[in-house]
Protein backbone atom coordinates (compact mmCIF):
# COMPACT_ATOMS: atom_id res chain seq x y z
CA UNK A 1 30.32 29.11 -7.75
CA UNK A 2 30.42 25.60 -9.23
CA UNK A 3 29.30 24.17 -5.89
CA UNK A 4 26.39 26.64 -5.77
CA UNK A 5 25.37 25.74 -9.30
CA UNK A 6 25.35 22.04 -8.42
CA UNK A 7 23.27 22.74 -5.32
CA UNK A 8 20.81 24.80 -7.34
CA UNK A 9 20.54 22.07 -9.97
CA UNK A 10 19.70 19.58 -7.26
CA UNK A 11 17.03 21.89 -5.84
CA UNK A 12 15.48 22.23 -9.31
CA UNK A 13 15.02 18.46 -9.66
CA UNK A 14 11.49 17.00 -9.31
CA UNK A 15 10.68 16.05 -5.72
CA UNK A 16 9.65 12.56 -4.62
CA UNK A 17 8.33 12.00 -1.12
CA UNK A 18 10.56 9.73 0.92
CA UNK A 19 7.51 8.24 2.67
CA UNK A 20 6.13 7.07 -0.69
CA UNK A 21 9.55 5.73 -1.69
CA UNK A 22 9.77 3.74 1.55
CA UNK A 23 6.33 2.23 0.97
CA UNK A 24 7.44 1.15 -2.50
CA UNK A 25 10.61 -0.33 -0.99
CA UNK A 26 8.68 -2.52 1.45
CA UNK A 27 6.40 -3.79 -1.31
CA UNK A 28 8.96 -4.48 -4.03
CA UNK A 29 11.83 -5.73 -1.84
CA UNK A 30 9.62 -8.28 -0.10
CA UNK A 31 8.33 -9.45 -3.48
CA UNK A 32 11.88 -9.53 -4.85
CA UNK A 33 13.09 -11.79 -2.01
CA UNK A 34 10.24 -14.30 -2.40
CA UNK A 35 10.33 -14.21 -6.21
CA UNK A 36 14.07 -14.88 -6.32
CA UNK A 37 13.62 -17.89 -4.07
CA UNK A 38 10.69 -19.11 -6.19
CA UNK A 39 12.77 -18.79 -9.34
CA UNK A 40 14.92 -21.65 -8.07
CA UNK A 41 18.09 -19.58 -8.38
CA UNK A 42 18.43 -19.23 -4.61
CA UNK A 43 17.41 -16.79 -1.90
CA UNK A 44 18.67 -13.22 -1.98
CA UNK A 45 21.69 -12.59 0.22
CA UNK A 46 19.82 -10.12 2.47
CA UNK A 47 17.36 -12.86 3.47
CA UNK A 48 19.65 -15.89 3.28
CA UNK A 49 20.44 -16.04 7.01
CA UNK A 50 16.81 -15.87 8.25
CA UNK A 51 15.89 -18.31 5.47
CA UNK A 52 18.45 -20.79 6.80
CA UNK A 53 16.97 -20.48 10.29
CA UNK A 54 13.44 -20.97 8.91
CA UNK A 55 14.57 -24.19 7.20
CA UNK A 56 16.31 -25.52 10.31
CA UNK A 57 13.69 -24.35 12.83
CA UNK A 58 10.56 -24.81 10.73
CA UNK A 59 7.99 -23.87 13.39
CA UNK A 60 8.95 -20.21 12.95
CA UNK A 61 8.16 -18.51 9.62
CA UNK A 62 10.62 -16.78 7.31
CA UNK A 63 9.00 -13.45 8.16
CA UNK A 64 9.49 -13.93 11.90
CA UNK A 65 13.13 -15.04 11.54
CA UNK A 66 13.70 -12.03 9.29
CA UNK A 67 12.42 -9.71 12.01
CA UNK A 68 14.69 -11.34 14.61
CA UNK A 69 17.70 -11.03 12.29
CA UNK A 70 16.88 -7.39 11.61
CA UNK A 71 16.80 -6.69 15.35
CA UNK A 72 20.30 -8.13 15.75
CA UNK A 73 21.57 -5.97 12.88
CA UNK A 74 20.20 -2.79 14.46
CA UNK A 75 21.65 -3.75 17.84
CA UNK A 76 25.04 -4.32 16.18
CA UNK A 77 24.94 -0.84 14.63
CA UNK A 78 24.22 0.77 18.00
CA UNK A 79 27.11 -1.14 19.56
CA UNK A 80 29.46 0.02 16.80
CA UNK A 81 28.28 3.63 17.21
CA UNK A 82 28.59 3.24 20.99
CA UNK A 83 25.34 5.08 21.55
CA UNK A 84 21.57 4.75 21.38
CA UNK A 85 20.29 5.91 17.98
CA UNK A 86 16.58 6.74 18.26
CA UNK A 87 15.79 6.79 14.50
CA UNK A 88 16.93 3.17 14.30
CA UNK A 89 13.85 2.23 16.32
CA UNK A 90 11.61 3.27 13.44
CA UNK A 91 13.45 0.78 11.28
CA UNK A 92 11.92 -1.95 13.48
CA UNK A 93 8.47 -0.80 12.34
CA UNK A 94 9.56 -0.84 8.71
CA UNK A 95 11.24 -4.20 9.24
CA UNK A 96 8.07 -5.64 10.75
CA UNK A 97 6.04 -4.52 7.72
CA UNK A 98 8.67 -6.03 5.41
CA UNK A 99 8.65 -9.33 7.35
CA UNK A 100 4.86 -9.54 7.23
CA UNK A 101 4.88 -8.89 3.47
CA UNK A 102 7.31 -11.79 3.02
CA UNK A 103 4.72 -14.12 4.55
CA UNK A 104 1.94 -12.55 2.45
CA UNK A 105 3.86 -13.11 -0.81
CA UNK A 106 4.69 -16.68 0.20
CA UNK A 107 0.95 -17.40 0.45
CA UNK A 108 0.20 -16.60 -3.21
CA UNK A 109 3.49 -17.10 -5.06
CA UNK A 110 2.76 -20.77 -5.82
CA UNK A 111 0.09 -19.78 -8.38
CA UNK A 112 2.84 -18.69 -10.79
CA UNK A 113 3.97 -21.16 -13.49
CA UNK A 114 7.28 -22.93 -12.89
CA UNK A 115 8.62 -23.67 -16.40
CA UNK A 116 12.34 -22.91 -16.78
CA UNK A 117 11.71 -19.90 -19.01
CA UNK A 118 9.46 -18.33 -16.42
CA UNK A 119 12.02 -19.00 -13.69
CA UNK A 120 14.68 -17.06 -15.59
CA UNK A 121 12.26 -14.15 -15.93
CA UNK A 122 11.43 -14.33 -12.22
CA UNK A 123 15.11 -14.08 -11.34
CA UNK A 124 15.70 -11.07 -13.60
CA UNK A 125 12.63 -9.29 -12.23
CA UNK A 126 13.54 -10.08 -8.61
CA UNK A 127 17.14 -8.92 -9.11
CA UNK A 128 16.02 -5.59 -10.56
CA UNK A 129 13.32 -5.11 -7.89
CA UNK A 130 15.88 -5.58 -5.12
CA UNK A 131 18.41 -3.24 -6.74
CA UNK A 132 15.82 -0.51 -7.30
CA UNK A 133 14.38 -1.01 -3.82
CA UNK A 134 17.74 -0.75 -2.06
CA UNK A 135 18.72 2.30 -4.12
CA UNK A 136 15.44 3.94 -3.06
CA UNK A 137 16.08 2.92 0.54
CA UNK A 138 19.43 4.69 0.55
CA UNK A 139 17.81 7.94 -0.60
CA UNK A 140 14.37 8.13 0.99
CA UNK A 141 15.67 10.09 3.98
CA UNK A 142 13.96 7.79 6.48
CA UNK A 143 14.96 4.88 8.71
CA UNK A 144 14.74 1.88 6.43
CA UNK A 145 14.53 -1.90 6.46
CA UNK A 146 17.34 -3.05 8.80
CA UNK A 147 18.83 -5.42 6.21
CA UNK A 148 19.28 -2.40 3.93
CA UNK A 149 20.13 -0.04 6.79
CA UNK A 150 23.04 -2.14 8.03
CA UNK A 151 25.39 -1.89 5.00
CA UNK A 152 24.51 1.79 4.48
CA UNK A 153 25.28 2.69 8.09
CA UNK A 154 28.34 0.44 8.23
CA UNK A 155 29.73 2.26 5.20
CA UNK A 156 29.19 5.55 7.06
CA UNK A 157 30.80 4.24 10.26
CA UNK A 158 33.84 2.71 8.56
CA UNK A 159 34.11 5.31 5.75
CA UNK A 160 34.45 2.44 3.26
CA UNK A 161 32.74 2.70 -0.14
CA UNK A 162 29.16 1.42 0.01
CA UNK A 163 29.49 -1.00 -2.91
CA UNK A 164 32.44 -2.72 -1.19
CA UNK A 165 30.57 -2.94 2.12
CA UNK A 166 27.46 -4.29 0.37
CA UNK A 167 29.37 -7.04 -1.42
CA UNK A 168 31.22 -8.03 1.77
CA UNK A 169 27.96 -8.04 3.73
CA UNK A 170 26.20 -10.22 1.15
CA UNK A 171 29.09 -12.68 0.92
CA UNK A 172 29.21 -12.96 4.72
CA UNK A 173 25.48 -13.72 4.85
CA UNK A 174 25.87 -16.42 2.20
CA UNK A 175 28.81 -17.96 4.03
CA UNK A 176 26.82 -18.17 7.27
CA UNK A 177 23.87 -19.69 5.39
CA UNK A 178 26.07 -22.27 3.66
CA UNK A 179 27.79 -23.34 6.88
CA UNK A 180 24.53 -23.52 8.80
CA UNK A 181 22.50 -25.53 6.29
CA UNK A 182 25.40 -27.83 5.41
CA UNK A 183 26.29 -28.62 9.02
CA UNK A 184 22.73 -29.02 10.34
CA UNK A 185 20.69 -30.17 7.33
CA UNK A 186 23.54 -32.03 5.65
CA UNK A 187 23.15 -30.13 2.37
CA UNK A 188 23.22 -26.60 1.01
CA UNK A 189 19.78 -25.05 1.03
CA UNK A 190 18.54 -21.79 -0.47
CA UNK A 191 21.77 -21.02 -2.29
CA UNK A 192 22.04 -21.09 -6.06
CA UNK A 193 23.78 -19.50 -9.00
CA UNK A 194 21.44 -16.53 -8.79
CA UNK A 195 22.34 -15.96 -5.15
CA UNK A 196 26.06 -15.92 -5.92
CA UNK A 197 25.60 -13.69 -8.97
CA UNK A 198 23.51 -11.22 -7.00
CA UNK A 199 25.94 -11.15 -4.07
CA UNK A 200 28.94 -10.22 -6.22
CA UNK A 201 27.20 -7.76 -8.56
CA UNK A 202 24.30 -6.16 -6.72
CA UNK A 203 26.40 -3.56 -4.90
CA UNK A 204 27.67 -2.13 -8.19
CA UNK A 205 24.25 -2.20 -9.86
CA UNK A 206 22.62 -0.49 -6.87
CA UNK A 207 25.23 2.25 -7.13
CA UNK A 208 24.55 2.73 -10.85
CA UNK A 209 20.78 2.88 -10.35
CA UNK A 210 21.25 5.29 -7.46
CA UNK A 211 23.40 7.60 -9.57
CA UNK A 212 20.66 7.69 -12.24
CA UNK A 213 18.06 8.52 -9.58
CA UNK A 214 20.22 11.38 -8.30
CA UNK A 215 20.30 12.87 -11.78
CA UNK A 216 16.52 12.92 -12.19
CA UNK A 217 14.86 13.29 -8.79
CA UNK A 218 15.50 14.35 -5.21
CA UNK A 219 13.86 12.90 -2.11
CA UNK A 220 12.35 14.78 0.82
CA UNK A 221 10.61 13.47 3.92
CA UNK A 222 9.32 14.76 7.25
CA UNK A 223 12.85 14.13 8.58
CA UNK A 224 14.59 16.14 5.85
CA UNK A 225 16.41 19.20 7.13
CA UNK A 226 15.16 22.43 5.59
CA UNK A 227 17.78 24.43 3.75
CA UNK A 228 17.67 27.99 2.55
């Protein structure tokens, strides 16, 4: 009876289309990544590895390296699942849109003022945009940006709590970025106090925001299974 009541409560929640949520994700996550880097606090963990490659191999843009990195993440998931997962292919389309938006935001971001006070605001805004975007990604019911898809699917594969997987994933990305830029460029690049703070806290904050979303709205998409 309690389970039925909870199910009914969920059905009574306002509905938000997953397709719209995914569009919002692409727009705000790409802005969040570029804005965090522009704040001077460091690149977000989800884009730190492609950023390192874009700094070392400068003829290829951040957006293009991001797309390559996303492809490797999706391939890794298929290897771990030991099967071809068709819906993952759609994540390439979403990932391409996300990568292109990174390059678009990089073209205009320099018009923003760079005083220290503004930079603090940029970091706060970017942090919240990324947390909200990833929480939406995990609920939209559609294949999502591969950098967001990877920790969500890895948590499902390993049956480890998402927040723990997310933190481990972010820290691993930062470690790779640090080793790569330090060994090749001779100095740390793209990493800052904001990057470290986000890596160790974002998983928990995403979980909190997601819980709030679950209390106020439910998501449906063309891929959502119909229930009686």
